[in-house]
Amino acid sequence: MFRKIVQLIAGFICGLLFIEWFPVSVASGLTEIFAACILRPVPFFASAIVFIVGFLTNAELIGEEIILTVQLFMKRKTTVFNLLYSLFFLAGFIILFQIGFWQTVVFFCFSILYGIISIDLKELKLA
């Protein structure tokens, strides 16, 4: 339980730092994004590090939430903490969407794709 709370907080903070540190705040042309990343390499490098840590953390959480959702639909028992945890996770992404829309879209898409790829079907007990 403590690990999930730490992952939730770390994923949110990494997403927030990625939004703040990424050199381009408004979705513009691809050349402007590359130019900003080349001209300001330190914020780009810092944002890349927190992006990787954040999307890996969130991907693990998303994988666990998908497993929880499947188990919920299969009428298996779950705890109230897991349901509240899911709500806090979604609330964190909604807050990030309000702060920086395009950065959060990229962050969320990478997290979802990697989270879905990393699901272990044996854990679902469907296979």
C-alpha atoms as a PDB file:
ATOM      1  CA  MET A   1       0.000   0.000   0.000  1.00  0.00           C
ATOM      2  CA  PHE A   2       2.806   2.397   0.883  1.00  0.00           C
ATOM      3  CA  ARG A   3       4.535   1.554  -2.411  1.00  0.00           C
ATOM      4  CA  LYS A   4       1.409   2.471  -4.379  1.00  0.00           C
ATOM      5  CA  ILE A   5       1.083   5.809  -2.601  1.00  0.00           C
ATOM      6  CA  VAL A   6       4.745   6.608  -3.275  1.00  0.00           C
ATOM      7  CA  GLN A   7       4.317   5.628  -6.937  1.00  0.00           C
ATOM      8  CA  LEU A   8       1.218   7.789  -7.226  1.00  0.00           C
ATOM      9  CA  ILE A   9       2.977  10.832  -5.773  1.00  0.00           C
ATOM     10  CA  ALA A  10       6.174  10.215  -7.767  1.00  0.00           C
ATOM     11  CA  GLY A  11       4.245   9.831 -11.030  1.00  0.00           C
ATOM     12  CA  PHE A  12       2.372  13.066 -10.438  1.00  0.00           C
ATOM     13  CA  ILE A  13       5.508  15.015  -9.469  1.00  0.00           C
ATOM     14  CA  CYS A  14       7.406  13.665 -12.488  1.00  0.00           C
ATOM     15  CA  GLY A  15       4.532  14.678 -14.761  1.00  0.00           C
ATOM     16  CA  LEU A  16       4.443  18.135 -13.228  1.00  0.00           C
ATOM     17  CA  LEU A  17       8.207  18.579 -13.563  1.00  0.00           C
ATOM     18  CA  PHE A  18       8.079  17.370 -17.170  1.00  0.00           C
ATOM     19  CA  ILE A  19       5.445  19.981 -17.979  1.00  0.00           C
ATOM     20  CA  GLU A  20       7.400  22.745 -16.245  1.00  0.00           C
ATOM     21  CA  TRP A  21      10.855  21.846 -17.578  1.00  0.00           C
ATOM     22  CA  PHE A  22      10.052  20.994 -21.201  1.00  0.00           C
ATOM     23  CA  PRO A  23      11.437  23.854 -23.324  1.00  0.00           C
ATOM     24  CA  VAL A  24       8.309  24.314 -25.467  1.00  0.00           C
ATOM     25  CA  SER A  25       5.057  24.998 -23.635  1.00  0.00           C
ATOM     26  CA  VAL A  26       2.703  25.437 -26.613  1.00  0.00           C
ATOM     27  CA  ALA A  27       2.358  22.857 -29.373  1.00  0.00           C
ATOM     28  CA  SER A  28       4.051  24.516 -32.312  1.00  0.00           C
ATOM     29  CA  GLY A  29       5.927  23.348 -35.353  1.00  0.00           C
ATOM     30  CA  LEU A  30       8.342  20.464 -35.149  1.00  0.00           C
ATOM     31  CA  THR A  31      11.257  22.706 -36.108  1.00  0.00           C
ATOM     32  CA  GLU A  32      10.528  25.043 -33.192  1.00  0.00           C
ATOM     33  CA  ILE A  33      10.463  22.115 -30.788  1.00  0.00           C
ATOM     34  CA  PHE A  34      13.817  20.822 -32.066  1.00  0.00           C
ATOM     35  CA  ALA A  35      15.329  24.302 -31.981  1.00  0.00           C
ATOM     36  CA  ALA A  36      14.193  24.872 -28.390  1.00  0.00           C
ATOM     37  CA  CYS A  37      15.594  21.511 -27.324  1.00  0.00           C
ATOM     38  CA  ILE A  38      18.942  22.214 -28.994  1.00  0.00           C
ATOM     39  CA  LEU A  39      19.245  25.770 -27.720  1.00  0.00           C
ATOM     40  CA  ARG A  40      18.270  24.840 -24.148  1.00  0.00           C
ATOM     41  CA  PRO A  41      19.696  21.343 -23.587  1.00  0.00           C
ATOM     42  CA  VAL A  42      19.703  21.318 -19.767  1.00  0.00           C
ATOM     43  CA  PRO A  43      15.924  21.772 -19.328  1.00  0.00           C
ATOM     44  CA  PHE A  44      15.359  19.296 -22.155  1.00  0.00           C
ATOM     45  CA  PHE A  45      17.645  16.698 -20.565  1.00  0.00           C
ATOM     46  CA  ALA A  46      16.069  17.197 -17.131  1.00  0.00           C
ATOM     47  CA  SER A  47      12.568  16.931 -18.587  1.00  0.00           C
ATOM     48  CA  ALA A  48      13.572  13.773 -20.480  1.00  0.00           C
ATOM     49  CA  ILE A  49      14.792  12.122 -17.280  1.00  0.00           C
ATOM     50  CA  VAL A  50      11.633  12.916 -15.293  1.00  0.00           C
ATOM     51  CA  PHE A  51       9.532  11.912 -18.321  1.00  0.00           C
ATOM     52  CA  ILE A  52      11.120   8.459 -18.405  1.00  0.00           C
ATOM     53  CA  VAL A  53      10.834   7.934 -14.651  1.00  0.00           C
ATOM     54  CA  GLY A  54       7.265   9.251 -14.615  1.00  0.00           C
ATOM     55  CA  PHE A  55       5.916   7.285 -17.533  1.00  0.00           C
ATOM     56  CA  LEU A  56       7.486   4.051 -16.265  1.00  0.00           C
ATOM     57  CA  THR A  57       5.964   4.641 -12.828  1.00  0.00           C
ATOM     58  CA  ASN A  58       2.558   5.486 -14.277  1.00  0.00           C
ATOM     59  CA  ALA A  59       2.721   2.570 -16.717  1.00  0.00           C
ATOM     60  CA  GLU A  60       3.120   0.139 -13.835  1.00  0.00           C
ATOM     61  CA  LEU A  61       0.195   1.762 -12.062  1.00  0.00           C
ATOM     62  CA  ILE A  62      -1.961   1.654 -15.200  1.00  0.00           C
ATOM     63  CA  GLY A  63      -1.169  -2.036 -15.664  1.00  0.00           C
ATOM     64  CA  GLU A  64      -2.222  -2.718 -12.080  1.00  0.00           C
ATOM     65  CA  GLU A  65      -5.417  -0.707 -12.581  1.00  0.00           C
ATOM     66  CA  ILE A  66      -6.301  -2.640 -15.738  1.00  0.00           C
ATOM     67  CA  ILE A  67      -5.842  -5.909 -13.852  1.00  0.00           C
ATOM     68  CA  LEU A  68      -7.989  -4.547 -11.006  1.00  0.00           C
ATOM     69  CA  THR A  69     -10.717  -3.494 -13.457  1.00  0.00           C
ATOM     70  CA  VAL A  70     -10.796  -6.911 -15.135  1.00  0.00           C
ATOM     71  CA  GLN A  71     -10.978  -8.603 -11.747  1.00  0.00           C
ATOM     72  CA  LEU A  72     -13.787  -6.257 -10.739  1.00  0.00           C
ATOM     73  CA  PHE A  73     -15.789  -7.211 -13.852  1.00  0.00           C
ATOM     74  CA  MET A  74     -15.131 -10.893 -13.133  1.00  0.00           C
ATOM     75  CA  LYS A  75     -16.845 -10.380  -9.745  1.00  0.00           C
ATOM     76  CA  ARG A  76     -13.671 -10.788  -7.710  1.00  0.00           C
ATOM     77  CA  LYS A  77     -13.361  -8.886  -4.470  1.00  0.00           C
ATOM     78  CA  THR A  78     -11.396  -5.674  -4.254  1.00  0.00           C
ATOM     79  CA  THR A  79     -10.644  -3.230  -1.490  1.00  0.00           C
ATOM     80  CA  VAL A  80     -11.921   0.298  -1.068  1.00  0.00           C
ATOM     81  CA  PHE A  81      -8.309   1.506  -1.076  1.00  0.00           C
ATOM     82  CA  ASN A  82      -7.819   0.235  -4.631  1.00  0.00           C
ATOM     83  CA  LEU A  83     -10.918   2.071  -5.822  1.00  0.00           C
ATOM     84  CA  LEU A  84      -9.905   5.308  -4.078  1.00  0.00           C
ATOM     85  CA  TYR A  85      -6.421   4.900  -5.447  1.00  0.00           C
ATOM     86  CA  SER A  86      -7.835   4.717  -8.985  1.00  0.00           C
ATOM     87  CA  LEU A  87      -9.779   7.925  -8.423  1.00  0.00           C
ATOM     88  CA  PHE A  88      -6.699   9.755  -7.116  1.00  0.00           C
ATOM     89  CA  PHE A  89      -4.709   8.499 -10.101  1.00  0.00           C
ATOM     90  CA  LEU A  90      -7.285   9.870 -12.544  1.00  0.00           C
ATOM     91  CA  ALA A  91      -7.558  13.124 -10.584  1.00  0.00           C
ATOM     92  CA  GLY A  92      -3.795  13.564 -10.876  1.00  0.00           C
ATOM     93  CA  PHE A  93      -3.963  13.263 -14.650  1.00  0.00           C
ATOM     94  CA  ILE A  94      -6.887  15.697 -14.807  1.00  0.00           C
ATOM     95  CA  ILE A  95      -4.825  18.232 -12.859  1.00  0.00           C
ATOM     96  CA  LEU A  96      -1.882  17.675 -15.209  1.00  0.00           C
ATOM     97  CA  PHE A  97      -4.194  18.184 -18.211  1.00  0.00           C
ATOM     98  CA  GLN A  98      -5.184  21.562 -16.784  1.00  0.00           C
ATOM     99  CA  ILE A  99      -1.548  22.614 -16.321  1.00  0.00           C
ATOM    100  CA  GLY A 100      -0.102  21.488 -19.651  1.00  0.00           C
ATOM    101  CA  PHE A 101      -2.403  19.792 -22.136  1.00  0.00           C
ATOM    102  CA  TRP A 102      -0.005  18.641 -24.880  1.00  0.00           C
ATOM    103  CA  GLN A 103       2.729  17.485 -22.542  1.00  0.00           C
ATOM    104  CA  THR A 104       0.190  15.491 -20.537  1.00  0.00           C
ATOM    105  CA  VAL A 105      -1.235  13.918 -23.702  1.00  0.00           C
ATOM    106  CA  VAL A 106       2.232  12.650 -24.630  1.00  0.00           C
ATOM    107  CA  PHE A 107       2.934  11.577 -21.044  1.00  0.00           C
ATOM    108  CA  PHE A 108      -0.428   9.789 -20.739  1.00  0.00           C
ATOM    109  CA  CYS A 109      -0.172   8.042 -24.136  1.00  0.00           C
ATOM    110  CA  PHE A 110       3.300   6.679 -23.405  1.00  0.00           C
ATOM    111  CA  SER A 111       2.137   5.516 -19.973  1.00  0.00           C
ATOM    112  CA  ILE A 112      -0.951   3.773 -21.328  1.00  0.00           C
ATOM    113  CA  LEU A 113       0.880   2.061 -24.186  1.00  0.00           C
ATOM    114  CA  TYR A 114       3.670   0.762 -21.979  1.00  0.00           C
ATOM    115  CA  GLY A 115       1.201  -0.175 -19.243  1.00  0.00           C
ATOM    116  CA  ILE A 116      -0.874  -2.256 -21.651  1.00  0.00           C
ATOM    117  CA  ILE A 117       2.204  -3.890 -23.157  1.00  0.00           C
ATOM    118  CA  SER A 118       3.559  -4.863 -19.745  1.00  0.00           C
ATOM    119  CA  ILE A 119       0.401  -6.606 -18.458  1.00  0.00           C
ATOM    120  CA  ASP A 120       1.026 -10.197 -17.446  1.00  0.00           C
ATOM    121  CA  LEU A 121      -1.884 -12.352 -18.616  1.00  0.00           C
ATOM    122  CA  LYS A 122      -1.061 -15.014 -16.030  1.00  0.00           C
ATOM    123  CA  GLU A 123      -1.838 -12.453 -13.355  1.00  0.00           C
ATOM    124  CA  LEU A 124      -5.317 -12.008 -14.838  1.00  0.00           C
ATOM    125  CA  LYS A 125      -5.869 -15.784 -14.712  1.00  0.00           C
ATOM    126  CA  LEU A 126      -7.603 -15.627 -18.079  1.00  0.00           C
ATOM    127  CA  ALA A 127      -4.968 -17.505 -20.063  1.00  0.00           C
END
